[in-house]
All heavy atoms as atom14 arrays in JSON, in Angstrom:
{
  "sequence": "ASANVGDKIALTGRDGQKFDVTLVLVVDPAQPRDTYSTPDPGNRLV",
  "atom14_mask": [
    [1, 1, 1, 1, 1, 0, 0, 0, 0, 0, 0, 0, 0, 0],
    [1, 1, 1, 1, 1, 1, 0, 0, 0, 0, 0, 0, 0, 0],
    [1, 1, 1, 1, 1, 0, 0, 0, 0, 0, 0, 0, 0, 0],
    [1, 1, 1, 1, 1, 1, 1, 1, 0, 0, 0, 0, 0, 0],
    [1, 1, 1, 1, 1, 1, 1, 0, 0, 0, 0, 0, 0, 0],
    [1, 1, 1, 1, 0, 0, 0, 0, 0, 0, 0, 0, 0, 0],
    [1, 1, 1, 1, 1, 1, 1, 1, 0, 0, 0, 0, 0, 0],
    [1, 1, 1, 1, 1, 1, 1, 1, 1, 0, 0, 0, 0, 0],
    [1, 1, 1, 1, 1, 1, 1, 1, 0, 0, 0, 0, 0, 0],
    [1, 1, 1, 1, 1, 0, 0, 0, 0, 0, 0, 0, 0, 0],
    [1, 1, 1, 1, 1, 1, 1, 1, 0, 0, 0, 0, 0, 0],
    [1, 1, 1, 1, 1, 1, 1, 0, 0, 0, 0, 0, 0, 0],
    [1, 1, 1, 1, 0, 0, 0, 0, 0, 0, 0, 0, 0, 0],
    [1, 1, 1, 1, 1, 1, 1, 1, 1, 1, 1, 0, 0, 0],
    [1, 1, 1, 1, 1, 1, 1, 1, 0, 0, 0, 0, 0, 0],
    [1, 1, 1, 1, 0, 0, 0, 0, 0, 0, 0, 0, 0, 0],
    [1, 1, 1, 1, 1, 1, 1, 1, 1, 0, 0, 0, 0, 0],
    [1, 1, 1, 1, 1, 1, 1, 1, 1, 0, 0, 0, 0, 0],
    [1, 1, 1, 1, 1, 1, 1, 1, 1, 1, 1, 0, 0, 0],
    [1, 1, 1, 1, 1, 1, 1, 1, 0, 0, 0, 0, 0, 0],
    [1, 1, 1, 1, 1, 1, 1, 0, 0, 0, 0, 0, 0, 0],
    [1, 1, 1, 1, 1, 1, 1, 0, 0, 0, 0, 0, 0, 0],
    [1, 1, 1, 1, 1, 1, 1, 1, 0, 0, 0, 0, 0, 0],
    [1, 1, 1, 1, 1, 1, 1, 0, 0, 0, 0, 0, 0, 0],
    [1, 1, 1, 1, 1, 1, 1, 1, 0, 0, 0, 0, 0, 0],
    [1, 1, 1, 1, 1, 1, 1, 0, 0, 0, 0, 0, 0, 0],
    [1, 1, 1, 1, 1, 1, 1, 0, 0, 0, 0, 0, 0, 0],
    [1, 1, 1, 1, 1, 1, 1, 1, 0, 0, 0, 0, 0, 0],
    [1, 1, 1, 1, 1, 1, 1, 0, 0, 0, 0, 0, 0, 0],
    [1, 1, 1, 1, 1, 0, 0, 0, 0, 0, 0, 0, 0, 0],
    [1, 1, 1, 1, 1, 1, 1, 1, 1, 0, 0, 0, 0, 0],
    [1, 1, 1, 1, 1, 1, 1, 0, 0, 0, 0, 0, 0, 0],
    [1, 1, 1, 1, 1, 1, 1, 1, 1, 1, 1, 0, 0, 0],
    [1, 1, 1, 1, 1, 1, 1, 1, 0, 0, 0, 0, 0, 0],
    [1, 1, 1, 1, 1, 1, 1, 0, 0, 0, 0, 0, 0, 0],
    [1, 1, 1, 1, 1, 1, 1, 1, 1, 1, 1, 1, 0, 0],
    [1, 1, 1, 1, 1, 1, 0, 0, 0, 0, 0, 0, 0, 0],
    [1, 1, 1, 1, 1, 1, 1, 0, 0, 0, 0, 0, 0, 0],
    [1, 1, 1, 1, 1, 1, 1, 0, 0, 0, 0, 0, 0, 0],
    [1, 1, 1, 1, 1, 1, 1, 1, 0, 0, 0, 0, 0, 0],
    [1, 1, 1, 1, 1, 1, 1, 0, 0, 0, 0, 0, 0, 0],
    [1, 1, 1, 1, 0, 0, 0, 0, 0, 0, 0, 0, 0, 0],
    [1, 1, 1, 1, 1, 1, 1, 1, 0, 0, 0, 0, 0, 0],
    [1, 1, 1, 1, 1, 1, 1, 1, 1, 1, 1, 0, 0, 0],
    [1, 1, 1, 1, 1, 1, 1, 1, 0, 0, 0, 0, 0, 0],
    [1, 1, 1, 1, 1, 1, 1, 0, 0, 0, 0, 0, 0, 0]
  ],
  "atom14_positions": [
    [[64.01, -138.36, 188.39], [64.45, -139.28, 187.38], [65.78, -138.86, 186.74], [66.09, -137.67, 186.74], [63.4, -139.48, 186.29], [0.0, 0.0, 0.0], [0.0, 0.0, 0.0], [0.0, 0.0, 0.0], [0.0, 0.0, 0.0], [0.0, 0.0, 0.0], [0.0, 0.0, 0.0], [0.0, 0.0, 0.0], [0.0, 0.0, 0.0], [0.0, 0.0, 0.0]],
    [[66.56, -139.81, 186.22], [67.81, -139.46, 185.57], [67.53, -138.89, 184.2], [66.73, -139.46, 183.38], [68.64, -140.72, 185.43], [69.87, -140.49, 184.72], [0.0, 0.0, 0.0], [0.0, 0.0, 0.0], [0.0, 0.0, 0.0], [0.0, 0.0, 0.0], [0.0, 0.0, 0.0], [0.0, 0.0, 0.0], [0.0, 0.0, 0.0], [0.0, 0.0, 0.0]],
    [[68.11, -137.72, 183.89], [67.86, -137.04, 182.63], [69.18, -136.7, 181.95], [70.24, -136.45, 182.61], [67.03, -135.79, 182.89], [0.0, 0.0, 0.0], [0.0, 0.0, 0.0], [0.0, 0.0, 0.0], [0.0, 0.0, 0.0], [0.0, 0.0, 0.0], [0.0, 0.0, 0.0], [0.0, 0.0, 0.0], [0.0, 0.0, 0.0], [0.0, 0.0, 0.0]],
    [[69.15, -136.66, 180.65], [70.29, -136.27, 179.83], [70.01, -135.06, 179.04], [68.85, -134.56, 179.01], [70.68, -137.42, 178.91], [71.09, -138.68, 179.62], [71.9, -138.63, 180.55], [70.56, -139.8, 179.24], [0.0, 0.0, 0.0], [0.0, 0.0, 0.0], [0.0, 0.0, 0.0], [0.0, 0.0, 0.0], [0.0, 0.0, 0.0], [0.0, 0.0, 0.0]],
    [[71.02, -134.49, 178.32], [70.79, -133.35, 177.48], [69.74, -133.79, 176.45], [69.88, -134.79, 175.79], [72.11, -132.89, 176.79], [71.83, -131.74, 175.81], [73.07, -132.52, 177.84], [0.0, 0.0, 0.0], [0.0, 0.0, 0.0], [0.0, 0.0, 0.0], [0.0, 0.0, 0.0], [0.0, 0.0, 0.0], [0.0, 0.0, 0.0], [0.0, 0.0, 0.0]],
    [[68.73, -132.91, 176.24], [67.69, -133.19, 175.27], [66.4, -133.69, 175.96], [65.33, -133.66, 175.39], [0.0, 0.0, 0.0], [0.0, 0.0, 0.0], [0.0, 0.0, 0.0], [0.0, 0.0, 0.0], [0.0, 0.0, 0.0], [0.0, 0.0, 0.0], [0.0, 0.0, 0.0], [0.0, 0.0, 0.0], [0.0, 0.0, 0.0], [0.0, 0.0, 0.0]],
    [[66.52, -134.12, 177.24], [65.32, -134.61, 178.0], [64.62, -133.42, 178.63], [65.22, -132.36, 178.95], [65.73, -135.59, 179.05], [66.19, -136.92, 178.5], [65.88, -137.18, 177.32], [66.97, -137.63, 179.23], [0.0, 0.0, 0.0], [0.0, 0.0, 0.0], [0.0, 0.0, 0.0], [0.0, 0.0, 0.0], [0.0, 0.0, 0.0], [0.0, 0.0, 0.0]],
    [[63.29, -133.6, 178.82], [62.53, -132.57, 179.56], [62.09, -133.12, 180.89], [61.84, -134.33, 181.06], [61.35, -132.13, 178.75], [60.27, -133.15, 178.46], [59.14, -132.51, 177.68], [58.12, -133.61, 177.36], [57.01, -133.08, 176.49], [0.0, 0.0, 0.0], [0.0, 0.0, 0.0], [0.0, 0.0, 0.0], [0.0, 0.0, 0.0], [0.0, 0.0, 0.0]],
    [[62.0, -132.24, 181.89], [61.59, -132.61, 183.25], [60.38, -131.73, 183.61], [60.41, -130.5, 183.44], [62.69, -132.42, 184.21], [63.89, -133.34, 183.89], [62.25, -132.67, 185.7], [65.1, -133.21, 184.81], [0.0, 0.0, 0.0], [0.0, 0.0, 0.0], [0.0, 0.0, 0.0], [0.0, 0.0, 0.0], [0.0, 0.0, 0.0], [0.0, 0.0, 0.0]],
    [[59.34, -132.36, 184.2], [58.16, -131.62, 184.6], [58.43, -131.05, 186.01], [58.75, -131.84, 186.94], [56.99, -132.56, 184.67], [0.0, 0.0, 0.0], [0.0, 0.0, 0.0], [0.0, 0.0, 0.0], [0.0, 0.0, 0.0], [0.0, 0.0, 0.0], [0.0, 0.0, 0.0], [0.0, 0.0, 0.0], [0.0, 0.0, 0.0], [0.0, 0.0, 0.0]],
    [[58.31, -129.73, 186.17], [58.57, -129.09, 187.44], [57.33, -128.27, 187.88], [56.46, -128.01, 187.07], [59.76, -128.15, 187.29], [61.1, -128.82, 186.98], [62.2, -127.75, 186.79], [61.53, -129.83, 188.03], [0.0, 0.0, 0.0], [0.0, 0.0, 0.0], [0.0, 0.0, 0.0], [0.0, 0.0, 0.0], [0.0, 0.0, 0.0], [0.0, 0.0, 0.0]],
    [[57.36, -127.94, 189.18], [56.31, -127.12, 189.76], [56.95, -125.91, 190.4], [57.92, -126.01, 191.12], [55.55, -127.9, 190.89], [54.99, -129.08, 190.29], [54.48, -127.06, 191.52], [0.0, 0.0, 0.0], [0.0, 0.0, 0.0], [0.0, 0.0, 0.0], [0.0, 0.0, 0.0], [0.0, 0.0, 0.0], [0.0, 0.0, 0.0], [0.0, 0.0, 0.0]],
    [[56.5, -124.73, 190.04], [56.97, -123.49, 190.61], [56.09, -122.99, 191.73], [55.26, -123.68, 192.29], [0.0, 0.0, 0.0], [0.0, 0.0, 0.0], [0.0, 0.0, 0.0], [0.0, 0.0, 0.0], [0.0, 0.0, 0.0], [0.0, 0.0, 0.0], [0.0, 0.0, 0.0], [0.0, 0.0, 0.0], [0.0, 0.0, 0.0], [0.0, 0.0, 0.0]],
    [[56.26, -121.72, 192.05], [55.48, -121.11, 193.09], [54.06, -120.87, 192.64], [53.81, -120.68, 191.4], [56.14, -119.82, 193.6], [56.28, -118.8, 192.48], [57.04, -117.55, 193.04], [57.21, -116.51, 192.0], [56.26, -115.65, 191.63], [55.1, -115.68, 192.25], [56.52, -114.78, 190.72], [0.0, 0.0, 0.0], [0.0, 0.0, 0.0], [0.0, 0.0, 0.0]],
    [[53.12, -120.74, 193.56], [51.73, -120.41, 193.26], [51.08, -121.4, 192.22], [50.27, -121.02, 191.43], [51.63, -119.0, 192.71], [52.11, -117.97, 193.72], [52.01, -118.24, 194.95], [52.67, -116.93, 193.28], [0.0, 0.0, 0.0], [0.0, 0.0, 0.0], [0.0, 0.0, 0.0], [0.0, 0.0, 0.0], [0.0, 0.0, 0.0], [0.0, 0.0, 0.0]],
    [[51.5, -122.65, 192.28], [50.89, -123.66, 191.43], [51.31, -123.69, 189.97], [50.66, -124.25, 189.11], [0.0, 0.0, 0.0], [0.0, 0.0, 0.0], [0.0, 0.0, 0.0], [0.0, 0.0, 0.0], [0.0, 0.0, 0.0], [0.0, 0.0, 0.0], [0.0, 0.0, 0.0], [0.0, 0.0, 0.0], [0.0, 0.0, 0.0], [0.0, 0.0, 0.0]],
    [[52.39, -122.99, 189.66], [52.89, -122.94, 188.3], [53.36, -124.35, 187.88], [54.08, -125.07, 188.62], [54.03, -121.96, 188.1], [53.63, -120.51, 188.38], [54.84, -119.56, 188.27], [55.91, -119.96, 187.89], [54.61, -118.31, 188.55], [0.0, 0.0, 0.0], [0.0, 0.0, 0.0], [0.0, 0.0, 0.0], [0.0, 0.0, 0.0], [0.0, 0.0, 0.0]],
    [[52.95, -124.82, 186.66], [53.38, -126.11, 186.15], [54.1, -125.84, 184.8], [53.6, -125.2, 183.92], [52.17, -126.99, 185.9], [51.34, -127.28, 187.18], [52.03, -128.2, 188.12], [51.13, -128.57, 189.29], [51.83, -129.44, 190.28], [0.0, 0.0, 0.0], [0.0, 0.0, 0.0], [0.0, 0.0, 0.0], [0.0, 0.0, 0.0], [0.0, 0.0, 0.0]],
    [[55.27, -126.42, 184.69], [56.04, -126.24, 183.44], [56.98, -127.32, 183.2], [57.51, -128.01, 184.14], [56.75, -124.93, 183.43], [57.61, -124.64, 184.66], [58.98, -124.99, 184.67], [57.08, -124.08, 185.84], [59.77, -124.79, 185.81], [57.87, -123.91, 186.95], [59.22, -124.24, 186.94], [0.0, 0.0, 0.0], [0.0, 0.0, 0.0], [0.0, 0.0, 0.0]],
    [[57.32, -127.59, 181.91], [58.37, -128.58, 181.52], [59.59, -127.77, 181.13], [59.53, -126.77, 180.44], [57.9, -129.37, 180.25], [56.79, -130.37, 180.63], [56.58, -130.65, 181.84], [56.17, -130.91, 179.71], [0.0, 0.0, 0.0], [0.0, 0.0, 0.0], [0.0, 0.0, 0.0], [0.0, 0.0, 0.0], [0.0, 0.0, 0.0], [0.0, 0.0, 0.0]],
    [[60.75, -128.32, 181.58], [62.04, -127.7, 181.27], [62.88, -128.68, 180.48], [63.01, -129.87, 180.89], [62.75, -127.27, 182.54], [64.13, -126.7, 182.17], [61.97, -126.23, 183.34], [0.0, 0.0, 0.0], [0.0, 0.0, 0.0], [0.0, 0.0, 0.0], [0.0, 0.0, 0.0], [0.0, 0.0, 0.0], [0.0, 0.0, 0.0], [0.0, 0.0, 0.0]],
    [[63.41, -128.25, 179.36], [64.3, -129.09, 178.53], [65.69, -128.43, 178.4], [65.79, -127.21, 178.12], [63.73, -129.23, 177.14], [62.41, -129.74, 177.21], [64.56, -130.15, 176.29], [0.0, 0.0, 0.0], [0.0, 0.0, 0.0], [0.0, 0.0, 0.0], [0.0, 0.0, 0.0], [0.0, 0.0, 0.0], [0.0, 0.0, 0.0], [0.0, 0.0, 0.0]],
    [[66.74, -129.19, 178.75], [68.03, -128.69, 178.48], [68.34, -129.11, 177.02], [68.65, -130.26, 176.73], [69.04, -129.39, 179.41], [70.58, -129.1, 179.21], [70.79, -127.57, 179.18], [71.37, -129.77, 180.25], [0.0, 0.0, 0.0], [0.0, 0.0, 0.0], [0.0, 0.0, 0.0], [0.0, 0.0, 0.0], [0.0, 0.0, 0.0], [0.0, 0.0, 0.0]],
    [[68.31, -128.15, 176.16], [68.32, -128.39, 174.71], [69.75, -128.64, 174.26], [70.06, -129.55, 173.5], [67.72, -127.25, 173.93], [67.78, -127.45, 172.42], [66.29, -127.03, 174.37], [0.0, 0.0, 0.0], [0.0, 0.0, 0.0], [0.0, 0.0, 0.0], [0.0, 0.0, 0.0], [0.0, 0.0, 0.0], [0.0, 0.0, 0.0], [0.0, 0.0, 0.0]],
    [[70.71, -127.77, 174.67], [72.07, -127.83, 174.14], [73.07, -127.34, 175.18], [72.79, -126.45, 175.95], [72.1, -126.9, 172.86], [73.44, -126.84, 172.07], [73.71, -128.22, 171.48], [73.36, -125.79, 171.02], [0.0, 0.0, 0.0], [0.0, 0.0, 0.0], [0.0, 0.0, 0.0], [0.0, 0.0, 0.0], [0.0, 0.0, 0.0], [0.0, 0.0, 0.0]],
    [[74.28, -127.9, 175.12], [75.38, -127.48, 175.94], [76.55, -127.11, 175.06], [76.99, -127.91, 174.25], [75.83, -128.57, 176.96], [77.04, -128.18, 177.76], [74.7, -128.93, 177.89], [0.0, 0.0, 0.0], [0.0, 0.0, 0.0], [0.0, 0.0, 0.0], [0.0, 0.0, 0.0], [0.0, 0.0, 0.0], [0.0, 0.0, 0.0], [0.0, 0.0, 0.0]],
    [[77.08, -125.9, 175.22], [78.24, -125.45, 174.4], [79.33, -125.12, 175.41], [79.26, -124.22, 176.25], [77.86, -124.12, 173.63], [79.12, -123.69, 172.81], [76.66, -124.35, 172.74], [0.0, 0.0, 0.0], [0.0, 0.0, 0.0], [0.0, 0.0, 0.0], [0.0, 0.0, 0.0], [0.0, 0.0, 0.0], [0.0, 0.0, 0.0], [0.0, 0.0, 0.0]],
    [[80.36, -125.96, 175.35], [81.5, -125.87, 176.31], [82.81, -126.24, 175.6], [82.99, -127.37, 175.17], [81.22, -126.85, 177.49], [82.29, -126.73, 178.55], [83.1, -125.8, 178.52], [82.27, -127.61, 179.44], [0.0, 0.0, 0.0], [0.0, 0.0, 0.0], [0.0, 0.0, 0.0], [0.0, 0.0, 0.0], [0.0, 0.0, 0.0], [0.0, 0.0, 0.0]],
    [[83.72, -125.28, 175.38], [83.64, -123.88, 175.85], [82.78, -123.05, 174.8], [82.64, -123.44, 173.59], [85.06, -123.42, 175.84], [85.7, -124.27, 174.77], [85.05, -125.6, 174.8], [0.0, 0.0, 0.0], [0.0, 0.0, 0.0], [0.0, 0.0, 0.0], [0.0, 0.0, 0.0], [0.0, 0.0, 0.0], [0.0, 0.0, 0.0], [0.0, 0.0, 0.0]],
    [[82.25, -121.94, 175.25], [81.43, -121.08, 174.42], [82.27, -119.81, 174.02], [83.05, -119.33, 174.85], [80.17, -120.68, 175.11], [0.0, 0.0, 0.0], [0.0, 0.0, 0.0], [0.0, 0.0, 0.0], [0.0, 0.0, 0.0], [0.0, 0.0, 0.0], [0.0, 0.0, 0.0], [0.0, 0.0, 0.0], [0.0, 0.0, 0.0], [0.0, 0.0, 0.0]],
    [[82.05, -119.33, 172.81], [82.74, -118.11, 172.39], [82.04, -116.81, 172.93], [80.8, -116.75, 172.92], [82.75, -118.06, 170.88], [83.48, -119.19, 170.24], [85.0, -119.16, 170.6], [85.65, -118.1, 170.69], [85.58, -120.32, 170.88], [0.0, 0.0, 0.0], [0.0, 0.0, 0.0], [0.0, 0.0, 0.0], [0.0, 0.0, 0.0], [0.0, 0.0, 0.0]],
    [[82.83, -115.93, 173.46], [82.24, -114.65, 173.92], [81.63, -113.86, 172.78], [82.09, -113.93, 171.65], [83.4, -113.98, 174.6], [84.63, -114.52, 173.97], [84.27, -115.93, 173.61], [0.0, 0.0, 0.0], [0.0, 0.0, 0.0], [0.0, 0.0, 0.0], [0.0, 0.0, 0.0], [0.0, 0.0, 0.0], [0.0, 0.0, 0.0], [0.0, 0.0, 0.0]],
    [[80.58, -113.16, 173.09], [79.88, -112.39, 172.06], [80.71, -111.22, 171.61], [80.71, -110.86, 170.37], [78.52, -111.88, 172.56], [77.77, -110.98, 171.61], [76.53, -110.49, 172.22], [75.65, -111.54, 172.62], [74.43, -111.34, 173.18], [74.06, -110.12, 173.49], [73.69, -112.37, 173.52], [0.0, 0.0, 0.0], [0.0, 0.0, 0.0], [0.0, 0.0, 0.0]],
    [[81.41, -110.56, 172.51], [82.22, -109.42, 172.2], [83.4, -109.3, 173.18], [83.53, -110.17, 174.09], [81.37, -108.1, 172.21], [80.48, -108.01, 173.48], [81.04, -108.38, 174.58], [79.33, -107.66, 173.41], [0.0, 0.0, 0.0], [0.0, 0.0, 0.0], [0.0, 0.0, 0.0], [0.0, 0.0, 0.0], [0.0, 0.0, 0.0], [0.0, 0.0, 0.0]],
    [[84.21, -108.26, 173.03], [85.36, -108.13, 173.92], [84.91, -107.94, 175.4], [85.71, -108.27, 176.31], [86.26, -106.96, 173.44], [85.44, -105.73, 173.4], [86.82, -107.19, 172.07], [0.0, 0.0, 0.0], [0.0, 0.0, 0.0], [0.0, 0.0, 0.0], [0.0, 0.0, 0.0], [0.0, 0.0, 0.0], [0.0, 0.0, 0.0], [0.0, 0.0, 0.0]],
    [[83.81, -107.39, 175.56], [83.29, -107.17, 176.92], [82.9, -108.48, 177.64], [82.8, -108.42, 178.85], [82.14, -106.12, 176.91], [82.46, -104.79, 176.35], [82.1, -104.5, 175.01], [83.18, -103.88, 177.11], [82.42, -103.23, 174.52], [83.52, -102.66, 176.6], [83.17, -102.29, 175.25], [83.49, -101.08, 174.77], [0.0, 0.0, 0.0], [0.0, 0.0, 0.0]],
    [[82.69, -109.46, 176.82], [82.22, -110.75, 177.39], [83.36, -111.71, 177.57], [83.16, -112.85, 177.95], [81.19, -111.37, 176.47], [80.04, -110.53, 176.38], [0.0, 0.0, 0.0], [0.0, 0.0, 0.0], [0.0, 0.0, 0.0], [0.0, 0.0, 0.0], [0.0, 0.0, 0.0], [0.0, 0.0, 0.0], [0.0, 0.0, 0.0], [0.0, 0.0, 0.0]],
    [[84.6, -111.31, 177.31], [85.75, -112.19, 177.48], [85.89, -112.54, 178.95], [85.85, -111.74, 179.84], [87.03, -111.49, 177.01], [86.86, -111.11, 175.64], [88.22, -112.43, 177.12], [0.0, 0.0, 0.0], [0.0, 0.0, 0.0], [0.0, 0.0, 0.0], [0.0, 0.0, 0.0], [0.0, 0.0, 0.0], [0.0, 0.0, 0.0], [0.0, 0.0, 0.0]],
    [[86.0, -113.9, 179.25], [86.13, -114.34, 180.66], [87.47, -113.92, 181.26], [88.46, -113.6, 180.52], [86.03, -115.86, 180.51], [86.52, -116.21, 179.19], [86.07, -115.04, 178.29], [0.0, 0.0, 0.0], [0.0, 0.0, 0.0], [0.0, 0.0, 0.0], [0.0, 0.0, 0.0], [0.0, 0.0, 0.0], [0.0, 0.0, 0.0], [0.0, 0.0, 0.0]],
    [[87.49, -113.87, 182.58], [88.74, -113.51, 183.23], [89.79, -114.57, 183.07], [89.47, -115.77, 182.7], [88.42, -113.44, 184.78], [87.51, -112.29, 185.14], [87.47, -111.3, 184.3], [86.82, -112.31, 186.14], [0.0, 0.0, 0.0], [0.0, 0.0, 0.0], [0.0, 0.0, 0.0], [0.0, 0.0, 0.0], [0.0, 0.0, 0.0], [0.0, 0.0, 0.0]],
    [[91.05, -114.27, 183.2], [92.15, -115.24, 183.02], [91.92, -116.44, 183.93], [91.56, -116.29, 185.12], [93.35, -114.47, 183.41], [93.03, -113.05, 183.19], [91.58, -112.89, 183.48], [0.0, 0.0, 0.0], [0.0, 0.0, 0.0], [0.0, 0.0, 0.0], [0.0, 0.0, 0.0], [0.0, 0.0, 0.0], [0.0, 0.0, 0.0], [0.0, 0.0, 0.0]],
    [[92.08, -117.64, 183.39], [91.9, -118.86, 184.14], [90.46, -119.37, 184.11], [90.14, -120.4, 184.69], [0.0, 0.0, 0.0], [0.0, 0.0, 0.0], [0.0, 0.0, 0.0], [0.0, 0.0, 0.0], [0.0, 0.0, 0.0], [0.0, 0.0, 0.0], [0.0, 0.0, 0.0], [0.0, 0.0, 0.0], [0.0, 0.0, 0.0], [0.0, 0.0, 0.0]],
    [[89.59, -118.64, 183.41], [88.15, -119.0, 183.36], [87.74, -119.3, 181.89], [88.47, -118.88, 180.92], [87.23, -117.93, 183.91], [87.35, -117.85, 185.39], [87.93, -118.71, 186.07], [86.86, -116.79, 185.97], [0.0, 0.0, 0.0], [0.0, 0.0, 0.0], [0.0, 0.0, 0.0], [0.0, 0.0, 0.0], [0.0, 0.0, 0.0], [0.0, 0.0, 0.0]],
    [[86.59, -119.91, 181.7], [86.02, -120.15, 180.39], [84.54, -119.93, 180.43], [83.92, -119.93, 181.56], [86.34, -121.53, 179.88], [85.54, -122.66, 180.57], [85.92, -124.05, 179.95], [85.04, -125.12, 180.35], [85.17, -125.85, 181.41], [86.16, -125.56, 182.27], [84.33, -126.85, 181.67], [0.0, 0.0, 0.0], [0.0, 0.0, 0.0], [0.0, 0.0, 0.0]],
    [[83.86, -119.78, 179.31], [82.43, -119.63, 179.23], [81.79, -120.91, 178.85], [82.27, -121.7, 178.02], [82.04, -118.54, 178.22], [82.55, -117.14, 178.51], [82.03, -116.18, 177.44], [82.21, -116.64, 179.84], [0.0, 0.0, 0.0], [0.0, 0.0, 0.0], [0.0, 0.0, 0.0], [0.0, 0.0, 0.0], [0.0, 0.0, 0.0], [0.0, 0.0, 0.0]],
    [[80.67, -121.2, 179.48], [79.8, -122.33, 179.12], [78.39, -121.82, 178.88], [77.83, -121.04, 179.74], [79.78, -123.45, 180.27], [78.81, -124.55, 179.86], [81.18, -123.96, 180.52], [0.0, 0.0, 0.0], [0.0, 0.0, 0.0], [0.0, 0.0, 0.0], [0.0, 0.0, 0.0], [0.0, 0.0, 0.0], [0.0, 0.0, 0.0], [0.0, 0.0, 0.0]]
  ]
}
């Protein structure tokens, strides 16, 4: 089914695992946590 941000989708994993997944939030671009997390030149974080 067609889903948007905020919707949940019922999925099946291995060994009979059943779970719902929700894409709660999208942050684009995202701020790096520290200097070590700075993206390479020409890239951004999402």
